Amino acid sequence: MGVGVKVKVWGPYALFSRPELKVERYSYDVMTPSAARGILEAIYWHPGMRWVIDKIYVNKPIQFTSIRRNEVKSKVSASNALTVLNGGQKDLFICTKTDIVQRASMLLKDVEYVINAHFEMTDKANASDNPGKFKDIIIRRLRRGECYFMPYFGCREFPANFCLCEDEVITTAYETDGDRDFGLMLYDMDYSDPENIEPMFFRAVMRNGVLDVRNCEVIR
């Protein structure tokens, strides 16, 4: 087990998109481990360490709301970019007048979580790197509100406020609720093969407001 830290995050909206829905975005009921890892990496990332999510505490009741957003249905072609890079002439822009579409999104509203995570050292750590050094940097950044870029809840339109959680006991919104089975949920992406990045899933069960992902069975 590596060095642990608890981070409180909150915001007015969140969208942890289900990958099985391709057009209309629909959020999972709670934050995914990959989204939690992304928030922590926005606060502090170093090649000599990697974040591992242990638990996610759901501090406010799960509430959904529906909105419609303007999106573009196209993306810049990679082949066009390569052609321009090699001196050719291709369009490298998206015309919003022709490509804009309105799509519905089912969001979470008024969310608050505590991310309980730890970090482990990697083989890319320098000789001067050590867990104590990294923990001091992380705690200092959390107390000062520092980040490399603004963390967000699933989409950049929904920023996440954050601070260090120093509470010994964390009270959730579902203290006596028992088990809630959310079915298969995205765990993270497997980047071991850059040419074939694959999603990983797990069976998400929230117990009394806590999503415990330690030692969970990962399905590929």
C-alpha atoms as a PDB file:
ATOM      1  CA  MET A   1       0.000   0.000   0.000  1.00  0.00           C
ATOM      2  CA  GLY A   2       1.287   3.438  -0.927  1.00  0.00           C
ATOM      3  CA  VAL A   3       0.867   6.800   0.776  1.00  0.00           C
ATOM      4  CA  GLY A   4      -2.788   7.795   1.255  1.00  0.00           C
ATOM      5  CA  VAL A   5      -4.618  11.114   0.959  1.00  0.00           C
ATOM      6  CA  LYS A   6      -8.252  12.257   1.122  1.00  0.00           C
ATOM      7  CA  VAL A   7      -9.575  15.010  -1.146  1.00  0.00           C
ATOM      8  CA  LYS A   8     -12.984  16.664  -0.925  1.00  0.00           C
ATOM      9  CA  VAL A   9     -14.462  17.733  -4.293  1.00  0.00           C
ATOM     10  CA  TRP A  10     -17.751  19.450  -5.048  1.00  0.00           C
ATOM     11  CA  GLY A  11     -19.584  21.394  -7.731  1.00  0.00           C
ATOM     12  CA  PRO A  12     -22.998  22.284  -9.183  1.00  0.00           C
ATOM     13  CA  TYR A  13     -22.943  19.749 -12.056  1.00  0.00           C
ATOM     14  CA  ALA A  14     -21.203  16.531 -13.131  1.00  0.00           C
ATOM     15  CA  LEU A  15     -21.351  14.298 -16.190  1.00  0.00           C
ATOM     16  CA  PHE A  16     -19.620  10.912 -16.005  1.00  0.00           C
ATOM     17  CA  SER A  17     -20.727   9.682 -19.416  1.00  0.00           C
ATOM     18  CA  ARG A  18     -21.739   6.088 -20.001  1.00  0.00           C
ATOM     19  CA  PRO A  19     -19.672   4.803 -22.964  1.00  0.00           C
ATOM     20  CA  GLU A  20     -22.503   2.587 -24.255  1.00  0.00           C
ATOM     21  CA  LEU A  21     -24.563   5.675 -25.181  1.00  0.00           C
ATOM     22  CA  LYS A  22     -22.952   7.220 -28.251  1.00  0.00           C
ATOM     23  CA  VAL A  23     -25.041  10.312 -29.008  1.00  0.00           C
ATOM     24  CA  GLU A  24     -27.071  11.501 -26.027  1.00  0.00           C
ATOM     25  CA  ARG A  25     -24.866  11.757 -22.938  1.00  0.00           C
ATOM     26  CA  TYR A  26     -26.146  10.047 -19.789  1.00  0.00           C
ATOM     27  CA  SER A  27     -24.189  10.142 -16.536  1.00  0.00           C
ATOM     28  CA  TYR A  28     -23.394   7.300 -14.198  1.00  0.00           C
ATOM     29  CA  ASP A  29     -25.017   7.666 -10.772  1.00  0.00           C
ATOM     30  CA  VAL A  30     -21.676   8.333  -9.068  1.00  0.00           C
ATOM     31  CA  MET A  31     -18.188   9.420 -10.020  1.00  0.00           C
ATOM     32  CA  THR A  32     -16.088   6.789 -11.771  1.00  0.00           C
ATOM     33  CA  PRO A  33     -12.612   5.825 -10.514  1.00  0.00           C
ATOM     34  CA  SER A  34     -11.073   7.121 -13.752  1.00  0.00           C
ATOM     35  CA  ALA A  35     -12.719  10.534 -13.238  1.00  0.00           C
ATOM     36  CA  ALA A  36     -11.426  10.597  -9.655  1.00  0.00           C
ATOM     37  CA  ARG A  37      -7.915   9.795 -10.872  1.00  0.00           C
ATOM     38  CA  GLY A  38      -8.179  12.576 -13.458  1.00  0.00           C
ATOM     39  CA  ILE A  39      -9.063  15.101 -10.744  1.00  0.00           C
ATOM     40  CA  LEU A  40      -6.066  14.078  -8.636  1.00  0.00           C
ATOM     41  CA  GLU A  41      -3.724  14.223 -11.624  1.00  0.00           C
ATOM     42  CA  ALA A  42      -4.957  17.768 -12.354  1.00  0.00           C
ATOM     43  CA  ILE A  43      -3.886  18.707  -8.830  1.00  0.00           C
ATOM     44  CA  TYR A  44      -0.537  16.905  -8.906  1.00  0.00           C
ATOM     45  CA  TRP A  45       1.089  14.554 -11.390  1.00  0.00           C
ATOM     46  CA  HIS A  46       4.648  13.269 -11.614  1.00  0.00           C
ATOM     47  CA  PRO A  47       6.116  10.442 -13.737  1.00  0.00           C
ATOM     48  CA  GLY A  48       7.666   8.969 -10.604  1.00  0.00           C
ATOM     49  CA  MET A  49       4.269   8.206  -9.026  1.00  0.00           C
ATOM     50  CA  ARG A  50       0.820   6.957  -9.989  1.00  0.00           C
ATOM     51  CA  TRP A  51      -2.534   7.486  -8.322  1.00  0.00           C
ATOM     52  CA  VAL A  52      -4.680   4.528  -7.201  1.00  0.00           C
ATOM     53  CA  ILE A  53      -8.291   5.146  -6.130  1.00  0.00           C
ATOM     54  CA  ASP A  54      -9.412   3.275  -2.992  1.00  0.00           C
ATOM     55  CA  LYS A  55     -12.838   4.664  -2.059  1.00  0.00           C
ATOM     56  CA  ILE A  56     -15.298   7.310  -3.219  1.00  0.00           C
ATOM     57  CA  TYR A  57     -17.652   8.743  -0.588  1.00  0.00           C
ATOM     58  CA  VAL A  58     -20.960  10.164  -1.851  1.00  0.00           C
ATOM     59  CA  ASN A  59     -21.647  13.092   0.474  1.00  0.00           C
ATOM     60  CA  LYS A  60     -24.796  14.477  -1.178  1.00  0.00           C
ATOM     61  CA  PRO A  61     -27.925  12.722  -2.491  1.00  0.00           C
ATOM     62  CA  ILE A  62     -27.801  11.552  -6.100  1.00  0.00           C
ATOM     63  CA  GLN A  63     -29.885  13.958  -8.209  1.00  0.00           C
ATOM     64  CA  PHE A  64     -30.273  14.124 -11.986  1.00  0.00           C
ATOM     65  CA  THR A  65     -31.208  17.000 -14.245  1.00  0.00           C
ATOM     66  CA  SER A  66     -31.530  17.265 -18.027  1.00  0.00           C
ATOM     67  CA  ILE A  67     -30.064  20.000 -20.210  1.00  0.00           C
ATOM     68  CA  ARG A  68     -29.487  20.558 -23.924  1.00  0.00           C
ATOM     69  CA  ARG A  69     -26.057  21.628 -25.139  1.00  0.00           C
ATOM     70  CA  ASN A  70     -24.600  22.777 -28.433  1.00  0.00           C
ATOM     71  CA  GLU A  71     -21.963  20.352 -29.713  1.00  0.00           C
ATOM     72  CA  VAL A  72     -20.171  19.776 -33.000  1.00  0.00           C
ATOM     73  CA  LYS A  73     -20.738  16.504 -34.837  1.00  0.00           C
ATOM     74  CA  SER A  74     -17.369  16.446 -36.605  1.00  0.00           C
ATOM     75  CA  LYS A  75     -13.698  16.537 -35.708  1.00  0.00           C
ATOM     76  CA  VAL A  76     -10.599  17.630 -37.580  1.00  0.00           C
ATOM     77  CA  SER A  77      -9.305  14.780 -39.740  1.00  0.00           C
ATOM     78  CA  ALA A  78      -5.963  13.314 -38.672  1.00  0.00           C
ATOM     79  CA  SER A  79      -5.092  12.648 -42.324  1.00  0.00           C
ATOM     80  CA  ASN A  80      -5.737  16.315 -43.155  1.00  0.00           C
ATOM     81  CA  ALA A  81      -3.452  17.382 -40.312  1.00  0.00           C
ATOM     82  CA  LEU A  82      -0.727  15.053 -41.580  1.00  0.00           C
ATOM     83  CA  THR A  83      -1.119  16.443 -45.099  1.00  0.00           C
ATOM     84  CA  VAL A  84      -0.703  20.019 -43.858  1.00  0.00           C
ATOM     85  CA  LEU A  85       2.273  18.979 -41.726  1.00  0.00           C
ATOM     86  CA  ASN A  86       3.922  17.650 -44.897  1.00  0.00           C
ATOM     87  CA  GLY A  87       3.285  20.898 -46.799  1.00  0.00           C
ATOM     88  CA  GLY A  88      -0.043  20.073 -48.426  1.00  0.00           C
ATOM     89  CA  GLN A  89      -3.240  22.112 -48.519  1.00  0.00           C
ATOM     90  CA  LYS A  90      -6.202  20.894 -46.450  1.00  0.00           C
ATOM     91  CA  ASP A  91      -8.820  22.514 -44.234  1.00  0.00           C
ATOM     92  CA  LEU A  92      -7.925  22.439 -40.542  1.00  0.00           C
ATOM     93  CA  PHE A  93     -11.083  23.908 -39.086  1.00  0.00           C
ATOM     94  CA  ILE A  94     -14.629  22.928 -38.162  1.00  0.00           C
ATOM     95  CA  CYS A  95     -17.464  25.104 -39.438  1.00  0.00           C
ATOM     96  CA  THR A  96     -19.862  25.430 -36.515  1.00  0.00           C
ATOM     97  CA  LYS A  97     -22.585  26.759 -38.812  1.00  0.00           C
ATOM     98  CA  THR A  98     -22.862  23.404 -40.585  1.00  0.00           C
ATOM     99  CA  ASP A  99     -21.580  21.019 -37.897  1.00  0.00           C
ATOM    100  CA  ILE A 100     -23.318  22.300 -34.760  1.00  0.00           C
ATOM    101  CA  VAL A 101     -26.044  20.112 -33.243  1.00  0.00           C
ATOM    102  CA  GLN A 102     -28.125  20.248 -30.081  1.00  0.00           C
ATOM    103  CA  ARG A 103     -27.927  17.156 -27.885  1.00  0.00           C
ATOM    104  CA  ALA A 104     -29.567  16.288 -24.587  1.00  0.00           C
ATOM    105  CA  SER A 105     -27.457  15.407 -21.565  1.00  0.00           C
ATOM    106  CA  MET A 106     -28.584  13.819 -18.315  1.00  0.00           C
ATOM    107  CA  LEU A 107     -26.365  15.328 -15.612  1.00  0.00           C
ATOM    108  CA  LEU A 108     -25.824  14.963 -11.904  1.00  0.00           C
ATOM    109  CA  LYS A 109     -26.468  18.156  -9.956  1.00  0.00           C
ATOM    110  CA  ASP A 110     -25.160  19.493  -6.634  1.00  0.00           C
ATOM    111  CA  VAL A 111     -22.488  16.826  -6.174  1.00  0.00           C
ATOM    112  CA  GLU A 112     -19.957  16.362  -3.404  1.00  0.00           C
ATOM    113  CA  TYR A 113     -17.508  13.505  -2.931  1.00  0.00           C
ATOM    114  CA  VAL A 114     -14.491  12.582  -0.874  1.00  0.00           C
ATOM    115  CA  ILE A 115     -11.838  10.723  -2.852  1.00  0.00           C
ATOM    116  CA  ASN A 116      -9.778   8.375  -0.719  1.00  0.00           C
ATOM    117  CA  ALA A 117      -6.703   7.422  -2.730  1.00  0.00           C
ATOM    118  CA  HIS A 118      -3.041   6.544  -2.443  1.00  0.00           C
ATOM    119  CA  PHE A 119      -0.049   6.856  -4.709  1.00  0.00           C
ATOM    120  CA  GLU A 120       2.670   4.385  -5.512  1.00  0.00           C
ATOM    121  CA  MET A 121       6.183   4.979  -6.788  1.00  0.00           C
ATOM    122  CA  THR A 122       7.007   4.009 -10.359  1.00  0.00           C
ATOM    123  CA  ASP A 123      10.230   3.006 -12.070  1.00  0.00           C
ATOM    124  CA  LYS A 124      10.450   6.513 -13.567  1.00  0.00           C
ATOM    125  CA  ALA A 125      11.152   8.085 -10.173  1.00  0.00           C
ATOM    126  CA  ASN A 126      14.464   9.902  -9.800  1.00  0.00           C
ATOM    127  CA  ALA A 127      17.010   9.134  -7.096  1.00  0.00           C
ATOM    128  CA  SER A 128      15.811  12.165  -5.109  1.00  0.00           C
ATOM    129  CA  ASP A 129      12.131  11.169  -5.306  1.00  0.00           C
ATOM    130  CA  ASN A 130      10.511   9.512  -2.308  1.00  0.00           C
ATOM    131  CA  PRO A 131       6.957   9.101  -0.913  1.00  0.00           C
ATOM    132  CA  GLY A 132       7.497  11.673   1.855  1.00  0.00           C
ATOM    133  CA  LYS A 133       8.551  14.329  -0.658  1.00  0.00           C
ATOM    134  CA  PHE A 134       5.539  13.703  -2.881  1.00  0.00           C
ATOM    135  CA  LYS A 135       3.099  13.696   0.026  1.00  0.00           C
ATOM    136  CA  ASP A 136       4.412  17.040   1.311  1.00  0.00           C
ATOM    137  CA  ILE A 137       3.971  18.565  -2.155  1.00  0.00           C
ATOM    138  CA  ILE A 138       0.441  17.155  -2.541  1.00  0.00           C
ATOM    139  CA  ILE A 139      -0.723  18.337   0.902  1.00  0.00           C
ATOM    140  CA  ARG A 140       0.729  21.796   0.304  1.00  0.00           C
ATOM    141  CA  ARG A 141      -0.965  22.088  -3.094  1.00  0.00           C
ATOM    142  CA  LEU A 142      -4.314  20.945  -1.680  1.00  0.00           C
ATOM    143  CA  ARG A 143      -4.176  23.468   1.170  1.00  0.00           C
ATOM    144  CA  ARG A 144      -3.263  26.285  -1.220  1.00  0.00           C
ATOM    145  CA  GLY A 145      -5.793  25.270  -3.867  1.00  0.00           C
ATOM    146  CA  GLU A 146      -3.077  24.799  -6.498  1.00  0.00           C
ATOM    147  CA  CYS A 147      -3.532  22.704  -9.638  1.00  0.00           C
ATOM    148  CA  TYR A 148      -1.942  22.293 -13.067  1.00  0.00           C
ATOM    149  CA  PHE A 149      -5.334  22.850 -14.684  1.00  0.00           C
ATOM    150  CA  MET A 150      -8.844  23.174 -13.308  1.00  0.00           C
ATOM    151  CA  PRO A 151     -10.184  19.730 -12.310  1.00  0.00           C
ATOM    152  CA  TYR A 152     -13.565  18.833 -13.726  1.00  0.00           C
ATOM    153  CA  PHE A 153     -16.402  16.357 -13.249  1.00  0.00           C
ATOM    154  CA  GLY A 154     -16.333  14.346 -16.463  1.00  0.00           C
ATOM    155  CA  CYS A 155     -16.507  17.320 -18.868  1.00  0.00           C
ATOM    156  CA  ARG A 156     -14.521  20.544 -18.814  1.00  0.00           C
ATOM    157  CA  GLU A 157     -17.758  22.556 -18.677  1.00  0.00           C
ATOM    158  CA  PHE A 158     -18.293  21.276 -15.129  1.00  0.00           C
ATOM    159  CA  PRO A 159     -15.329  22.377 -12.952  1.00  0.00           C
ATOM    160  CA  ALA A 160     -14.650  20.731  -9.610  1.00  0.00           C
ATOM    161  CA  ASN A 161     -13.800  22.669  -6.456  1.00  0.00           C
ATOM    162  CA  PHE A 162     -11.376  20.822  -4.193  1.00  0.00           C
ATOM    163  CA  CYS A 163      -9.659  20.939  -0.822  1.00  0.00           C
ATOM    164  CA  LEU A 164      -7.799  18.645   1.550  1.00  0.00           C
ATOM    165  CA  CYS A 165     -10.137  16.470   3.634  1.00  0.00           C
ATOM    166  CA  GLU A 166      -8.805  16.099   7.157  1.00  0.00           C
ATOM    167  CA  ASP A 167     -11.942  14.572   8.714  1.00  0.00           C
ATOM    168  CA  GLU A 168     -11.316  11.321  10.535  1.00  0.00           C
ATOM    169  CA  VAL A 169     -14.933  10.230  10.022  1.00  0.00           C
ATOM    170  CA  ILE A 170     -16.668  10.978   6.709  1.00  0.00           C
ATOM    171  CA  THR A 171     -20.471  11.165   6.775  1.00  0.00           C
ATOM    172  CA  THR A 172     -22.178  10.205   3.525  1.00  0.00           C
ATOM    173  CA  ALA A 173     -25.700  10.926   2.280  1.00  0.00           C
ATOM    174  CA  TYR A 174     -26.554   7.216   2.542  1.00  0.00           C
ATOM    175  CA  GLU A 175     -25.272   6.188   5.968  1.00  0.00           C
ATOM    176  CA  THR A 176     -28.028   3.602   6.561  1.00  0.00           C
ATOM    177  CA  ASP A 177     -29.007   2.900   2.962  1.00  0.00           C
ATOM    178  CA  GLY A 178     -27.354  -0.508   2.663  1.00  0.00           C
ATOM    179  CA  ASP A 179     -26.190  -1.713  -0.756  1.00  0.00           C
ATOM    180  CA  ARG A 180     -26.981  -0.089  -4.097  1.00  0.00           C
ATOM    181  CA  ASP A 181     -25.925  -2.056  -7.162  1.00  0.00           C
ATOM    182  CA  PHE A 182     -25.177   0.238 -10.121  1.00  0.00           C
ATOM    183  CA  GLY A 183     -24.175  -2.613 -12.423  1.00  0.00           C
ATOM    184  CA  LEU A 184     -21.122  -2.433 -14.655  1.00  0.00           C
ATOM    185  CA  MET A 185     -19.239   0.862 -14.469  1.00  0.00           C
ATOM    186  CA  LEU A 186     -16.150   2.147 -16.239  1.00  0.00           C
ATOM    187  CA  TYR A 187     -13.110   1.558 -14.027  1.00  0.00           C
ATOM    188  CA  ASP A 188     -10.345   3.044 -16.152  1.00  0.00           C
ATOM    189  CA  MET A 189      -8.599   2.821 -19.503  1.00  0.00           C
ATOM    190  CA  ASP A 190      -5.782   0.342 -20.142  1.00  0.00           C
ATOM    191  CA  TYR A 191      -2.915   2.299 -21.722  1.00  0.00           C
ATOM    192  CA  SER A 192      -0.399  -0.566 -21.646  1.00  0.00           C
ATOM    193  CA  ASP A 193      -0.621  -0.823 -25.453  1.00  0.00           C
ATOM    194  CA  PRO A 194      -0.751   2.697 -26.993  1.00  0.00           C
ATOM    195  CA  GLU A 195      -1.946   1.207 -30.272  1.00  0.00           C
ATOM    196  CA  ASN A 196      -4.888  -0.547 -28.619  1.00  0.00           C
ATOM    197  CA  ILE A 197      -6.253   1.398 -25.632  1.00  0.00           C
ATOM    198  CA  GLU A 198      -9.043  -0.642 -24.029  1.00  0.00           C
ATOM    199  CA  PRO A 199     -11.703   0.203 -21.412  1.00  0.00           C
ATOM    200  CA  MET A 200     -11.883  -1.705 -18.140  1.00  0.00           C
ATOM    201  CA  PHE A 201     -15.108  -2.179 -16.156  1.00  0.00           C
ATOM    202  CA  PHE A 202     -16.121  -3.350 -12.684  1.00  0.00           C
ATOM    203  CA  ARG A 203     -19.302  -4.191 -10.788  1.00  0.00           C
ATOM    204  CA  ALA A 204     -20.129  -0.996  -8.876  1.00  0.00           C
ATOM    205  CA  VAL A 205     -21.823  -1.549  -5.524  1.00  0.00           C
ATOM    206  CA  MET A 206     -22.251   1.422  -3.170  1.00  0.00           C
ATOM    207  CA  ARG A 207     -22.452   0.393   0.486  1.00  0.00           C
ATOM    208  CA  ASN A 208     -23.871   3.022   2.823  1.00  0.00           C
ATOM    209  CA  GLY A 209     -22.741   5.771   0.493  1.00  0.00           C
ATOM    210  CA  VAL A 210     -19.228   4.435  -0.152  1.00  0.00           C
ATOM    211  CA  LEU A 211     -17.964   3.032  -3.451  1.00  0.00           C
ATOM    212  CA  ASP A 212     -15.062   0.776  -2.442  1.00  0.00           C
ATOM    213  CA  VAL A 213     -12.897  -0.149  -5.432  1.00  0.00           C
ATOM    214  CA  ARG A 214     -10.072  -1.831  -3.541  1.00  0.00           C
ATOM    215  CA  ASN A 215      -9.488  -5.343  -4.843  1.00  0.00           C
ATOM    216  CA  CYS A 216     -12.476  -5.106  -7.178  1.00  0.00           C
ATOM    217  CA  GLU A 217     -12.701  -7.520 -10.092  1.00  0.00           C
ATOM    218  CA  VAL A 218     -11.784  -5.697 -13.298  1.00  0.00           C
ATOM    219  CA  ILE A 219     -13.501  -6.873 -16.486  1.00  0.00           C
ATOM    220  CA  ARG A 220     -11.886  -6.182 -19.852  1.00  0.00           C
END
